[in-house]
Amino acid sequence: MSNRIVTTTLTCLAVFAALPLVTRTAPAQFNPHILAVPPPMSADERAAAEARDRRWVERCRPVIRQDEFGVPRYVYAARGCEYGQRD
């Protein structure tokens, strides 16, 4: 396997200028369709994660309500829950 690094830049050609849209630097063998999967959690880690999630649900009490445009949105009972704040 090669350790070569490839930089790819996509450019938008506008009427008066060429504007860079995206620049991505990655190893040459990079495949965006392959995701890195974390290793399995131990029973203790899983129990801690479930307890943390339970505490968040008890504190935030998420409910789905429709906004004025009819789009379903989550509404939370506590401040900061929409940003993922815990405890």
PDB file of N, CA and C in Angstrom:
ATOM      1  N   MET A   1       0.840  -1.174   0.000  1.00  0.00           N
ATOM      2  CA  MET A   1       0.000   0.000   0.000  1.00  0.00           C
ATOM      3  C   MET A   1       0.886   1.238   0.000  1.00  0.00           C
ATOM      4  N   SER A   2       0.518   2.207  -0.762  1.00  0.00           N
ATOM      5  CA  SER A   2       1.297   3.428  -0.906  1.00  0.00           C
ATOM      6  C   SER A   2       0.977   4.415   0.206  1.00  0.00           C
ATOM      7  N   ASN A   3       1.982   5.162   0.653  1.00  0.00           N
ATOM      8  CA  ASN A   3       1.781   6.218   1.643  1.00  0.00           C
ATOM      9  C   ASN A   3       1.687   7.577   0.978  1.00  0.00           C
ATOM     10  N   ARG A   4       1.429   7.579  -0.304  1.00  0.00           N
ATOM     11  CA  ARG A   4       1.333   8.808  -1.077  1.00  0.00           C
ATOM     12  C   ARG A   4       0.135   9.631  -0.630  1.00  0.00           C
ATOM     13  N   ILE A   5       0.270  10.970  -0.604  1.00  0.00           N
ATOM     14  CA  ILE A   5      -0.818  11.877  -0.252  1.00  0.00           C
ATOM     15  C   ILE A   5      -1.277  12.580  -1.526  1.00  0.00           C
ATOM     16  N   VAL A   6      -2.600  12.650  -1.705  1.00  0.00           N
ATOM     17  CA  VAL A   6      -3.174  13.275  -2.891  1.00  0.00           C
ATOM     18  C   VAL A   6      -4.026  14.458  -2.443  1.00  0.00           C
ATOM     19  N   THR A   7      -3.876  15.604  -3.088  1.00  0.00           N
ATOM     20  CA  THR A   7      -4.708  16.775  -2.823  1.00  0.00           C
ATOM     21  C   THR A   7      -5.579  17.003  -4.042  1.00  0.00           C
ATOM     22  N   THR A   8      -6.888  17.090  -3.802  1.00  0.00           N
ATOM     23  CA  THR A   8      -7.850  17.293  -4.867  1.00  0.00           C
ATOM     24  C   THR A   8      -8.559  18.617  -4.627  1.00  0.00           C
ATOM     25  N   THR A   9      -8.649  19.472  -5.633  1.00  0.00           N
ATOM     26  CA  THR A   9      -9.360  20.750  -5.522  1.00  0.00           C
ATOM     27  C   THR A   9     -10.400  20.817  -6.625  1.00  0.00           C
ATOM     28  N   LEU A  10     -11.646  21.049  -6.235  1.00  0.00           N
ATOM     29  CA  LEU A  10     -12.726  21.260  -7.191  1.00  0.00           C
ATOM     30  C   LEU A  10     -12.899  22.758  -7.345  1.00  0.00           C
ATOM     31  N   THR A  11     -13.037  23.240  -8.567  1.00  0.00           N
ATOM     32  CA  THR A  11     -13.096  24.671  -8.831  1.00  0.00           C
ATOM     33  C   THR A  11     -14.375  25.023  -9.574  1.00  0.00           C
ATOM     34  N   CYS A  12     -14.990  26.128  -9.168  1.00  0.00           N
ATOM     35  CA  CYS A  12     -16.170  26.665  -9.846  1.00  0.00           C
ATOM     36  C   CYS A  12     -15.698  27.772 -10.774  1.00  0.00           C
ATOM     37  N   LEU A  13     -15.972  27.643 -12.048  1.00  0.00           N
ATOM     38  CA  LEU A  13     -15.590  28.671 -13.010  1.00  0.00           C
ATOM     39  C   LEU A  13     -16.750  29.648 -13.159  1.00  0.00           C
ATOM     40  N   ALA A  14     -16.634  30.808 -12.540  1.00  0.00           N
ATOM     41  CA  ALA A  14     -17.663  31.839 -12.612  1.00  0.00           C
ATOM     42  C   ALA A  14     -17.360  32.753 -13.787  1.00  0.00           C
ATOM     43  N   VAL A  15     -18.170  33.753 -13.977  1.00  0.00           N
ATOM     44  CA  VAL A  15     -18.008  34.658 -15.101  1.00  0.00           C
ATOM     45  C   VAL A  15     -16.698  35.442 -14.998  1.00  0.00           C
ATOM     46  N   PHE A  16     -16.348  35.917 -13.816  1.00  0.00           N
ATOM     47  CA  PHE A  16     -15.180  36.773 -13.662  1.00  0.00           C
ATOM     48  C   PHE A  16     -14.004  36.124 -12.944  1.00  0.00           C
ATOM     49  N   ALA A  17     -14.222  34.977 -12.289  1.00  0.00           N
ATOM     50  CA  ALA A  17     -13.139  34.392 -11.497  1.00  0.00           C
ATOM     51  C   ALA A  17     -13.339  32.896 -11.365  1.00  0.00           C
ATOM     52  N   ALA A  18     -12.268  32.215 -11.007  1.00  0.00           N
ATOM     53  CA  ALA A  18     -12.334  30.793 -10.684  1.00  0.00           C
ATOM     54  C   ALA A  18     -12.267  30.681  -9.169  1.00  0.00           C
ATOM     55  N   LEU A  19     -13.307  30.162  -8.559  1.00  0.00           N
ATOM     56  CA  LEU A  19     -13.400  30.081  -7.111  1.00  0.00           C
ATOM     57  C   LEU A  19     -13.186  28.648  -6.648  1.00  0.00           C
ATOM     58  N   PRO A  20     -12.230  28.410  -5.737  1.00  0.00           N
ATOM     59  CA  PRO A  20     -12.066  27.052  -5.222  1.00  0.00           C
ATOM     60  C   PRO A  20     -13.256  26.674  -4.337  1.00  0.00           C
ATOM     61  N   LEU A  21     -13.869  25.532  -4.592  1.00  0.00           N
ATOM     62  CA  LEU A  21     -15.019  25.088  -3.814  1.00  0.00           C
ATOM     63  C   LEU A  21     -14.596  24.192  -2.660  1.00  0.00           C
ATOM     64  N   VAL A  22     -13.851  23.140  -2.988  1.00  0.00           N
ATOM     65  CA  VAL A  22     -13.499  22.144  -1.988  1.00  0.00           C
ATOM     66  C   VAL A  22     -12.058  21.725  -2.203  1.00  0.00           C
ATOM     67  N   THR A  23     -11.318  21.637  -1.112  1.00  0.00           N
ATOM     68  CA  THR A  23      -9.985  21.064  -1.179  1.00  0.00           C
ATOM     69  C   THR A  23      -9.935  19.924  -0.170  1.00  0.00           C
ATOM     70  N   ARG A  24      -9.531  18.756  -0.610  1.00  0.00           N
ATOM     71  CA  ARG A  24      -9.458  17.584   0.256  1.00  0.00           C
ATOM     72  C   ARG A  24      -8.076  16.978   0.115  1.00  0.00           C
ATOM     73  N   THR A  25      -7.430  16.790   1.258  1.00  0.00           N
ATOM     74  CA  THR A  25      -6.138  16.126   1.261  1.00  0.00           C
ATOM     75  C   THR A  25      -6.308  14.806   2.009  1.00  0.00           C
ATOM     76  N   ALA A  26      -5.942  13.736   1.378  1.00  0.00           N
ATOM     77  CA  ALA A  26      -6.136  12.416   1.973  1.00  0.00           C
ATOM     78  C   ALA A  26      -5.105  11.457   1.392  1.00  0.00           C
ATOM     79  N   PRO A  27      -4.922  10.323   2.062  1.00  0.00           N
ATOM     80  CA  PRO A  27      -4.051   9.303   1.484  1.00  0.00           C
ATOM     81  C   PRO A  27      -4.568   8.875   0.112  1.00  0.00           C
ATOM     82  N   ALA A  28      -3.684   8.436  -0.741  1.00  0.00           N
ATOM     83  CA  ALA A  28      -4.056   8.073  -2.108  1.00  0.00           C
ATOM     84  C   ALA A  28      -5.072   6.936  -2.138  1.00  0.00           C
ATOM     85  N   GLN A  29      -5.082   6.069  -1.163  1.00  0.00           N
ATOM     86  CA  GLN A  29      -5.993   4.927  -1.133  1.00  0.00           C
ATOM     87  C   GLN A  29      -7.315   5.251  -0.438  1.00  0.00           C
ATOM     88  N   PHE A  30      -7.612   6.523  -0.201  1.00  0.00           N
ATOM     89  CA  PHE A  30      -8.824   6.941   0.506  1.00  0.00           C
ATOM     90  C   PHE A  30     -10.069   6.557  -0.283  1.00  0.00           C
ATOM     91  N   ASN A  31     -11.045   5.952   0.388  1.00  0.00           N
ATOM     92  CA  ASN A  31     -12.322   5.605  -0.227  1.00  0.00           C
ATOM     93  C   ASN A  31     -13.418   6.173   0.666  1.00  0.00           C
ATOM     94  N   PRO A  32     -14.179   7.167   0.206  1.00  0.00           N
ATOM     95  CA  PRO A  32     -15.202   7.788   1.053  1.00  0.00           C
ATOM     96  C   PRO A  32     -16.372   6.872   1.374  1.00  0.00           C
ATOM     97  N   HIS A  33     -16.479   5.737   0.711  1.00  0.00           N
ATOM     98  CA  HIS A  33     -17.591   4.824   0.943  1.00  0.00           C
ATOM     99  C   HIS A  33     -17.273   3.776   2.006  1.00  0.00           C
ATOM    100  N   ILE A  34     -16.067   3.780   2.517  1.00  0.00           N
ATOM    101  CA  ILE A  34     -15.683   2.841   3.572  1.00  0.00           C
ATOM    102  C   ILE A  34     -15.562   3.619   4.869  1.00  0.00           C
ATOM    103  N   LEU A  35     -16.343   3.226   5.869  1.00  0.00           N
ATOM    104  CA  LEU A  35     -16.350   3.911   7.149  1.00  0.00           C
ATOM    105  C   LEU A  35     -15.521   3.137   8.166  1.00  0.00           C
ATOM    106  N   ALA A  36     -14.804   3.868   9.000  1.00  0.00           N
ATOM    107  CA  ALA A  36     -14.057   3.240  10.084  1.00  0.00           C
ATOM    108  C   ALA A  36     -15.044   2.900  11.198  1.00  0.00           C
ATOM    109  N   VAL A  37     -15.111   1.659  11.583  1.00  0.00           N
ATOM    110  CA  VAL A  37     -16.033   1.205  12.616  1.00  0.00           C
ATOM    111  C   VAL A  37     -15.259   1.057  13.922  1.00  0.00           C
ATOM    112  N   PRO A  38     -15.752   1.681  15.008  1.00  0.00           N
ATOM    113  CA  PRO A  38     -15.036   1.547  16.274  1.00  0.00           C
ATOM    114  C   PRO A  38     -15.107   0.113  16.783  1.00  0.00           C
ATOM    115  N   PRO A  39     -14.142  -0.281  17.603  1.00  0.00           N
ATOM    116  CA  PRO A  39     -14.172  -1.640  18.148  1.00  0.00           C
ATOM    117  C   PRO A  39     -15.376  -1.827  19.063  1.00  0.00           C
ATOM    118  N   PRO A  40     -15.811  -3.064  19.288  1.00  0.00           N
ATOM    119  CA  PRO A  40     -16.965  -3.312  20.158  1.00  0.00           C
ATOM    120  C   PRO A  40     -16.701  -2.814  21.574  1.00  0.00           C
ATOM    121  N   MET A  41     -17.771  -2.362  22.224  1.00  0.00           N
ATOM    122  CA  MET A  41     -17.644  -1.885  23.604  1.00  0.00           C
ATOM    123  C   MET A  41     -17.737  -3.058  24.567  1.00  0.00           C
ATOM    124  N   SER A  42     -17.092  -2.894  25.702  1.00  0.00           N
ATOM    125  CA  SER A  42     -17.206  -3.916  26.750  1.00  0.00           C
ATOM    126  C   SER A  42     -18.573  -3.758  27.417  1.00  0.00           C
ATOM    127  N   ALA A  43     -18.938  -4.717  28.242  1.00  0.00           N
ATOM    128  CA  ALA A  43     -20.230  -4.667  28.935  1.00  0.00           C
ATOM    129  C   ALA A  43     -20.305  -3.453  29.849  1.00  0.00           C
ATOM    130  N   ASP A  44     -19.202  -3.099  30.505  1.00  0.00           N
ATOM    131  CA  ASP A  44     -19.185  -1.930  31.392  1.00  0.00           C
ATOM    132  C   ASP A  44     -19.372  -0.638  30.611  1.00  0.00           C
ATOM    133  N   GLU A  45     -18.681  -0.518  29.471  1.00  0.00           N
ATOM    134  CA  GLU A  45     -18.819   0.677  28.645  1.00  0.00           C
ATOM    135  C   GLU A  45     -20.238   0.806  28.101  1.00  0.00           C
ATOM    136  N   ARG A  46     -20.808  -0.309  27.697  1.00  0.00           N
ATOM    137  CA  ARG A  46     -22.185  -0.299  27.171  1.00  0.00           C
ATOM    138  C   ARG A  46     -23.173   0.111  28.262  1.00  0.00           C
ATOM    139  N   ALA A  47     -23.008  -0.425  29.478  1.00  0.00           N
ATOM    140  CA  ALA A  47     -23.891  -0.073  30.593  1.00  0.00           C
ATOM    141  C   ALA A  47     -23.765   1.415  30.933  1.00  0.00           C
ATOM    142  N   ALA A  48     -22.536   1.942  30.917  1.00  0.00           N
ATOM    143  CA  ALA A  48     -22.329   3.364  31.202  1.00  0.00           C
ATOM    144  C   ALA A  48     -22.982   4.231  30.126  1.00  0.00           C
ATOM    145  N   ALA A  49     -22.858   3.835  28.859  1.00  0.00           N
ATOM    146  CA  ALA A  49     -23.467   4.601  27.768  1.00  0.00           C
ATOM    147  C   ALA A  49     -24.993   4.582  27.871  1.00  0.00           C
ATOM    148  N   GLU A  50     -25.570   3.434  28.195  1.00  0.00           N
ATOM    149  CA  GLU A  50     -27.025   3.338  28.333  1.00  0.00           C
ATOM    150  C   GLU A  50     -27.514   4.172  29.506  1.00  0.00           C
ATOM    151  N   ALA A  51     -26.760   4.168  30.631  1.00  0.00           N
ATOM    152  CA  ALA A  51     -27.133   4.984  31.786  1.00  0.00           C
ATOM    153  C   ALA A  51     -27.052   6.466  31.445  1.00  0.00           C
ATOM    154  N   ARG A  52     -26.014   6.865  30.706  1.00  0.00           N
ATOM    155  CA  ARG A  52     -25.855   8.259  30.287  1.00  0.00           C
ATOM    156  C   ARG A  52     -27.016   8.673  29.386  1.00  0.00           C
ATOM    157  N   ASP A  53     -27.407   7.807  28.451  1.00  0.00           N
ATOM    158  CA  ASP A  53     -28.532   8.102  27.560  1.00  0.00           C
ATOM    159  C   ASP A  53     -29.844   8.207  28.338  1.00  0.00           C
ATOM    160  N   ARG A  54     -30.042   7.310  29.308  1.00  0.00           N
ATOM    161  CA  ARG A  54     -31.249   7.345  30.128  1.00  0.00           C
ATOM    162  C   ARG A  54     -31.349   8.654  30.908  1.00  0.00           C
ATOM    163  N   ARG A  55     -30.216   9.089  31.505  1.00  0.00           N
ATOM    164  CA  ARG A  55     -30.202  10.351  32.255  1.00  0.00           C
ATOM    165  C   ARG A  55     -30.533  11.527  31.335  1.00  0.00           C
ATOM    166  N   TRP A  56     -29.996  11.496  30.100  1.00  0.00           N
ATOM    167  CA  TRP A  56     -30.273  12.577  29.162  1.00  0.00           C
ATOM    168  C   TRP A  56     -31.760  12.625  28.820  1.00  0.00           C
ATOM    169  N   VAL A  57     -32.372  11.472  28.552  1.00  0.00           N
ATOM    170  CA  VAL A  57     -33.796  11.426  28.198  1.00  0.00           C
ATOM    171  C   VAL A  57     -34.646  11.897  29.370  1.00  0.00           C
ATOM    172  N   GLU A  58     -34.293  11.491  30.590  1.00  0.00           N
ATOM    173  CA  GLU A  58     -35.050  11.919  31.768  1.00  0.00           C
ATOM    174  C   GLU A  58     -34.955  13.429  31.966  1.00  0.00           C
ATOM    175  N   ARG A  59     -33.784  14.002  31.722  1.00  0.00           N
ATOM    176  CA  ARG A  59     -33.576  15.438  31.911  1.00  0.00           C
ATOM    177  C   ARG A  59     -34.190  16.253  30.771  1.00  0.00           C
ATOM    178  N   CYS A  60     -33.993  15.824  29.551  1.00  0.00           N
ATOM    179  CA  CYS A  60     -34.389  16.624  28.382  1.00  0.00           C
ATOM    180  C   CYS A  60     -35.807  16.369  27.914  1.00  0.00           C
ATOM    181  N   ARG A  61     -36.337  15.178  28.137  1.00  0.00           N
ATOM    182  CA  ARG A  61     -37.686  14.799  27.712  1.00  0.00           C
ATOM    183  C   ARG A  61     -37.990  15.278  26.289  1.00  0.00           C
ATOM    184  N   PRO A  62     -37.314  14.704  25.287  1.00  0.00           N
ATOM    185  CA  PRO A  62     -37.538  15.144  23.904  1.00  0.00           C
ATOM    186  C   PRO A  62     -38.944  14.784  23.403  1.00  0.00           C
ATOM    187  N   VAL A  63     -39.561  15.748  22.708  1.00  0.00           N
ATOM    188  CA  VAL A  63     -40.891  15.566  22.121  1.00  0.00           C
ATOM    189  C   VAL A  63     -40.834  16.134  20.708  1.00  0.00           C
ATOM    190  N   ILE A  64     -41.505  15.477  19.769  1.00  0.00           N
ATOM    191  CA  ILE A  64     -41.565  15.980  18.395  1.00  0.00           C
ATOM    192  C   ILE A  64     -42.853  16.774  18.234  1.00  0.00           C
ATOM    193  N   ARG A  65     -42.704  18.044  17.818  1.00  0.00           N
ATOM    194  CA  ARG A  65     -43.846  18.909  17.541  1.00  0.00           C
ATOM    195  C   ARG A  65     -43.663  19.544  16.176  1.00  0.00           C
ATOM    196  N   GLN A  66     -44.762  19.856  15.524  1.00  0.00           N
ATOM    197  CA  GLN A  66     -44.685  20.513  14.218  1.00  0.00           C
ATOM    198  C   GLN A  66     -44.527  22.016  14.410  1.00  0.00           C
ATOM    199  N   ASP A  67     -43.633  22.615  13.603  1.00  0.00           N
ATOM    200  CA  ASP A  67     -43.477  24.066  13.658  1.00  0.00           C
ATOM    201  C   ASP A  67     -44.556  24.723  12.797  1.00  0.00           C
ATOM    202  N   GLU A  68     -44.460  26.050  12.628  1.00  0.00           N
ATOM    203  CA  GLU A  68     -45.503  26.776  11.885  1.00  0.00           C
ATOM    204  C   GLU A  68     -45.570  26.399  10.413  1.00  0.00           C
ATOM    205  N   PHE A  69     -44.537  25.718   9.901  1.00  0.00           N
ATOM    206  CA  PHE A  69     -44.522  25.288   8.502  1.00  0.00           C
ATOM    207  C   PHE A  69     -44.890  23.813   8.348  1.00  0.00           C
ATOM    208  N   GLY A  70     -45.218  23.158   9.450  1.00  0.00           N
ATOM    209  CA  GLY A  70     -45.595  21.751   9.405  1.00  0.00           C
ATOM    210  C   GLY A  70     -44.422  20.791   9.434  1.00  0.00           C
ATOM    211  N   VAL A  71     -43.218  21.319   9.716  1.00  0.00           N
ATOM    212  CA  VAL A  71     -42.023  20.479   9.765  1.00  0.00           C
ATOM    213  C   VAL A  71     -41.870  19.917  11.184  1.00  0.00           C
ATOM    214  N   PRO A  72     -41.737  18.601  11.327  1.00  0.00           N
ATOM    215  CA  PRO A  72     -41.551  18.043  12.669  1.00  0.00           C
ATOM    216  C   PRO A  72     -40.200  18.453  13.246  1.00  0.00           C
ATOM    217  N   ARG A  73     -40.213  18.964  14.474  1.00  0.00           N
ATOM    218  CA  ARG A  73     -39.000  19.400  15.173  1.00  0.00           C
ATOM    219  C   ARG A  73     -38.996  18.827  16.577  1.00  0.00           C
ATOM    220  N   TYR A  74     -37.794  18.571  17.085  1.00  0.00           N
ATOM    221  CA  TYR A  74     -37.676  18.150  18.476  1.00  0.00           C
ATOM    222  C   TYR A  74     -37.742  19.369  19.376  1.00  0.00           C
ATOM    223  N   VAL A  75     -38.468  19.232  20.498  1.00  0.00           N
ATOM    224  CA  VAL A  75     -38.548  20.264  21.524  1.00  0.00           C
ATOM    225  C   VAL A  75     -38.080  19.602  22.819  1.00  0.00           C
ATOM    226  N   TYR A  76     -37.261  20.331  23.589  1.00  0.00           N
ATOM    227  CA  TYR A  76     -36.661  19.773  24.797  1.00  0.00           C
ATOM    228  C   TYR A  76     -37.109  20.546  26.026  1.00  0.00           C
ATOM    229  N   ALA A  77     -37.191  19.857  27.178  1.00  0.00           N
ATOM    230  CA  ALA A  77     -37.643  20.465  28.418  1.00  0.00           C
ATOM    231  C   ALA A  77     -36.538  21.271  29.093  1.00  0.00           C
ATOM    232  N   ALA A  78     -35.276  20.963  28.853  1.00  0.00           N
ATOM    233  CA  ALA A  78     -34.168  21.639  29.518  1.00  0.00           C
ATOM    234  C   ALA A  78     -33.315  22.387  28.493  1.00  0.00           C
ATOM    235  N   ARG A  79     -32.653  23.437  28.970  1.00  0.00           N
ATOM    236  CA  ARG A  79     -31.777  24.225  28.088  1.00  0.00           C
ATOM    237  C   ARG A  79     -30.533  23.414  27.740  1.00  0.00           C
ATOM    238  N   GLY A  80     -30.035  23.611  26.529  1.00  0.00           N
ATOM    239  CA  GLY A  80     -28.797  22.979  26.113  1.00  0.00           C
ATOM    240  C   GLY A  80     -28.966  21.594  25.529  1.00  0.00           C
ATOM    241  N   CYS A  81     -30.133  20.997  25.651  1.00  0.00           N
ATOM    242  CA  CYS A  81     -30.334  19.637  25.140  1.00  0.00           C
ATOM    243  C   CYS A  81     -30.233  19.583  23.618  1.00  0.00           C
ATOM    244  N   GLU A  82     -30.645  20.656  22.942  1.00  0.00           N
ATOM    245  CA  GLU A  82     -30.570  20.661  21.481  1.00  0.00           C
ATOM    246  C   GLU A  82     -29.128  20.669  20.985  1.00  0.00           C
ATOM    247  N   TYR A  83     -28.185  20.974  21.884  1.00  0.00           N
ATOM    248  CA  TYR A  83     -26.766  20.974  21.532  1.00  0.00           C
ATOM    249  C   TYR A  83     -26.044  19.750  22.066  1.00  0.00           C
ATOM    250  N   GLY A  84     -26.779  18.802  22.637  1.00  0.00           N
ATOM    251  CA  GLY A  84     -26.173  17.570  23.125  1.00  0.00           C
ATOM    252  C   GLY A  84     -25.534  17.679  24.495  1.00  0.00           C
ATOM    253  N   GLN A  85     -25.828  18.760  25.233  1.00  0.00           N
ATOM    254  CA  GLN A  85     -25.250  18.895  26.571  1.00  0.00           C
ATOM    255  C   GLN A  85     -25.823  17.825  27.485  1.00  0.00           C
ATOM    256  N   ARG A  86     -24.956  17.272  28.291  1.00  0.00           N
ATOM    257  CA  ARG A  86     -25.357  16.217  29.222  1.00  0.00           C
ATOM    258  C   ARG A  86     -25.266  16.737  30.652  1.00  0.00           C
ATOM    259  N   ASP A  87     -26.128  16.215  31.483  1.00  0.00           N
ATOM    260  CA  ASP A  87     -26.162  16.478  32.938  1.00  0.00           C
ATOM    261  C   ASP A  87     -26.030  17.901  33.286  1.00  0.00           C
TER     262      ASP A  87
END
